[in-house]
Amino acid sequence: MEKEKKEFFRNLLNQKLEELLTVAGKAVVEMSSTKEEAFPDPTDRASLETDRNFLLRVKDRERRLIAKIQEALKSIDNGAYGICEICGEGISEKRLEARPVTTSCIKCKEEEEAQEKLRKGV
């Protein structure tokens, strides 16, 4: 991959990482500043808990994405970025633009998903 393209993807990944870290920081502040309230109605309490659980699932997904972004940045540094971890072929720039943290080419990813469907019996 050309140096110019690597820098494009590095900037794209760093931008996304910065956005995620900013949002994560705000969420931590908001969640820690929220005081526990006494809810006389169990439905209100259940609703609050459901909302919190949903938010925590979203934050967990963001945490995993942050780790993937950091790994992608490392792979840019060591020259492995844009190379499929499964077959060793190049990953198309179009795919990298759509999903810059991907580690597999579209062909290998499709095969992986097909195998997963077979295992699940879908």
Protein backbone atom coordinates (compact mmCIF):
# COMPACT_ATOMS: atom_id res chain seq x y z
CA MET A 1 0.00 0.00 0.00
CA GLU A 2 1.25 3.46 -0.87
CA LYS A 3 2.50 5.71 1.92
CA GLU A 4 -0.14 8.32 1.06
CA LYS A 5 -2.96 5.77 1.44
CA LYS A 6 -1.52 4.51 4.72
CA GLU A 7 -1.54 8.05 6.07
CA PHE A 8 -5.14 8.48 4.87
CA PHE A 9 -6.18 5.38 6.84
CA ARG A 10 -4.06 6.37 9.84
CA ASN A 11 -5.84 9.74 9.96
CA LEU A 12 -9.24 8.10 9.49
CA LEU A 13 -8.56 5.64 12.33
CA ASN A 14 -7.15 8.32 14.64
CA GLN A 15 -10.17 10.52 14.00
CA LYS A 16 -12.59 7.69 14.85
CA LEU A 17 -10.54 6.78 17.92
CA GLU A 18 -10.64 10.36 19.17
CA GLU A 19 -14.42 10.52 18.67
CA LEU A 20 -14.97 7.28 20.56
CA LEU A 21 -12.72 8.29 23.45
CA THR A 22 -14.45 11.66 23.76
CA VAL A 23 -17.89 10.06 23.83
CA ALA A 24 -16.71 7.40 26.28
CA GLY A 25 -15.33 10.05 28.62
CA LYS A 26 -18.63 11.93 28.59
CA ALA A 27 -20.58 8.74 29.28
CA VAL A 28 -18.41 7.88 32.28
CA VAL A 29 -18.93 11.34 33.73
CA GLU A 30 -22.69 11.17 33.15
CA MET A 31 -23.05 7.68 34.61
CA SER A 32 -20.94 8.45 37.67
CA SER A 33 -22.75 11.74 38.33
CA THR A 34 -26.19 10.13 38.19
CA LYS A 35 -27.42 9.61 41.70
CA GLU A 36 -29.39 6.59 42.73
CA GLU A 37 -32.97 7.56 43.22
CA ALA A 38 -35.63 5.77 45.19
CA PHE A 39 -38.32 4.70 42.77
CA PRO A 40 -41.69 4.03 44.37
CA ASP A 41 -42.84 2.41 41.13
CA PRO A 42 -40.98 -0.81 40.22
CA THR A 43 -41.71 -0.16 36.53
CA ASP A 44 -39.77 3.10 36.64
CA ARG A 45 -36.85 1.34 38.30
CA ALA A 46 -36.95 -1.45 35.70
CA SER A 47 -37.01 1.10 32.91
CA LEU A 48 -33.94 2.85 34.34
CA GLU A 49 -32.10 -0.46 34.67
CA THR A 50 -33.01 -1.44 31.10
CA ASP A 51 -31.71 1.89 29.81
CA ARG A 52 -28.47 1.50 31.76
CA ASN A 53 -27.95 -2.06 30.55
CA PHE A 54 -28.48 -0.94 26.96
CA LEU A 55 -26.00 1.91 27.42
CA LEU A 56 -23.45 -0.46 28.92
CA ARG A 57 -23.79 -2.86 25.96
CA VAL A 58 -23.25 0.04 23.56
CA LYS A 59 -20.19 1.16 25.53
CA ASP A 60 -18.81 -2.37 25.51
CA ARG A 61 -19.13 -2.46 21.71
CA GLU A 62 -17.35 0.90 21.54
CA ARG A 63 -14.60 -0.42 23.84
CA ARG A 64 -14.04 -3.38 21.52
CA LEU A 65 -13.99 -1.04 18.51
CA ILE A 66 -11.36 1.12 20.24
CA ALA A 67 -9.19 -1.99 20.69
CA LYS A 68 -9.65 -2.88 17.00
CA ILE A 69 -8.69 0.65 15.96
CA GLN A 70 -5.56 0.49 18.11
CA GLU A 71 -4.65 -2.85 16.52
CA ALA A 72 -5.21 -1.41 13.03
CA LEU A 73 -2.93 1.53 13.87
CA LYS A 74 -0.25 -0.93 15.03
CA SER A 75 -0.61 -2.88 11.80
CA ILE A 76 -0.07 0.34 9.82
CA ASP A 77 3.13 0.88 11.79
CA ASN A 78 4.42 -2.65 11.20
CA GLY A 79 3.41 -2.76 7.53
CA ALA A 80 0.68 -5.40 7.83
CA TYR A 81 -2.28 -3.07 7.33
CA GLY A 82 -4.46 -3.91 4.36
CA ILE A 83 -3.29 -7.52 4.17
CA CYS A 84 -5.80 -10.29 4.86
CA GLU A 85 -4.86 -12.27 7.97
CA ILE A 86 -6.45 -15.41 6.49
CA CYS A 87 -5.18 -15.65 2.91
CA GLY A 88 -2.39 -13.05 2.88
CA GLU A 89 -3.84 -11.19 -0.12
CA GLY A 90 -4.43 -7.46 -0.16
CA ILE A 91 -7.71 -6.07 1.16
CA SER A 92 -9.38 -3.71 -1.30
CA GLU A 93 -9.19 -0.02 -0.48
CA LYS A 94 -12.94 0.20 -0.96
CA ARG A 95 -13.43 -2.36 1.83
CA LEU A 96 -10.91 -0.60 4.05
CA GLU A 97 -12.72 2.70 3.53
CA ALA A 98 -16.02 1.08 4.54
CA ARG A 99 -14.51 -0.79 7.50
CA PRO A 100 -10.99 0.47 8.27
CA VAL A 101 -10.52 -2.01 11.15
CA THR A 102 -11.10 -5.08 9.01
CA THR A 103 -8.46 -7.78 9.03
CA SER A 104 -9.81 -9.94 6.23
CA CYS A 105 -10.62 -9.53 2.57
CA ILE A 106 -14.22 -9.76 1.44
CA LYS A 107 -13.82 -13.27 0.04
CA CYS A 108 -12.42 -14.67 3.27
CA LYS A 109 -15.00 -12.82 5.36
CA GLU A 110 -17.84 -14.24 3.25
CA GLU A 111 -16.43 -17.76 3.66
CA GLU A 112 -16.06 -17.21 7.40
CA GLU A 113 -19.67 -16.04 7.69
CA ALA A 114 -20.92 -18.97 5.61
CA GLN A 115 -19.08 -21.40 7.90
CA GLU A 116 -20.54 -19.64 10.94
CA LYS A 117 -24.07 -20.03 9.52
CA LEU A 118 -23.44 -23.72 8.95
CA ARG A 119 -22.25 -24.18 12.54
CA LYS A 120 -25.34 -22.40 13.87
CA GLY A 121 -27.57 -24.44 11.61
CA VAL A 122 -29.19 -21.46 9.90
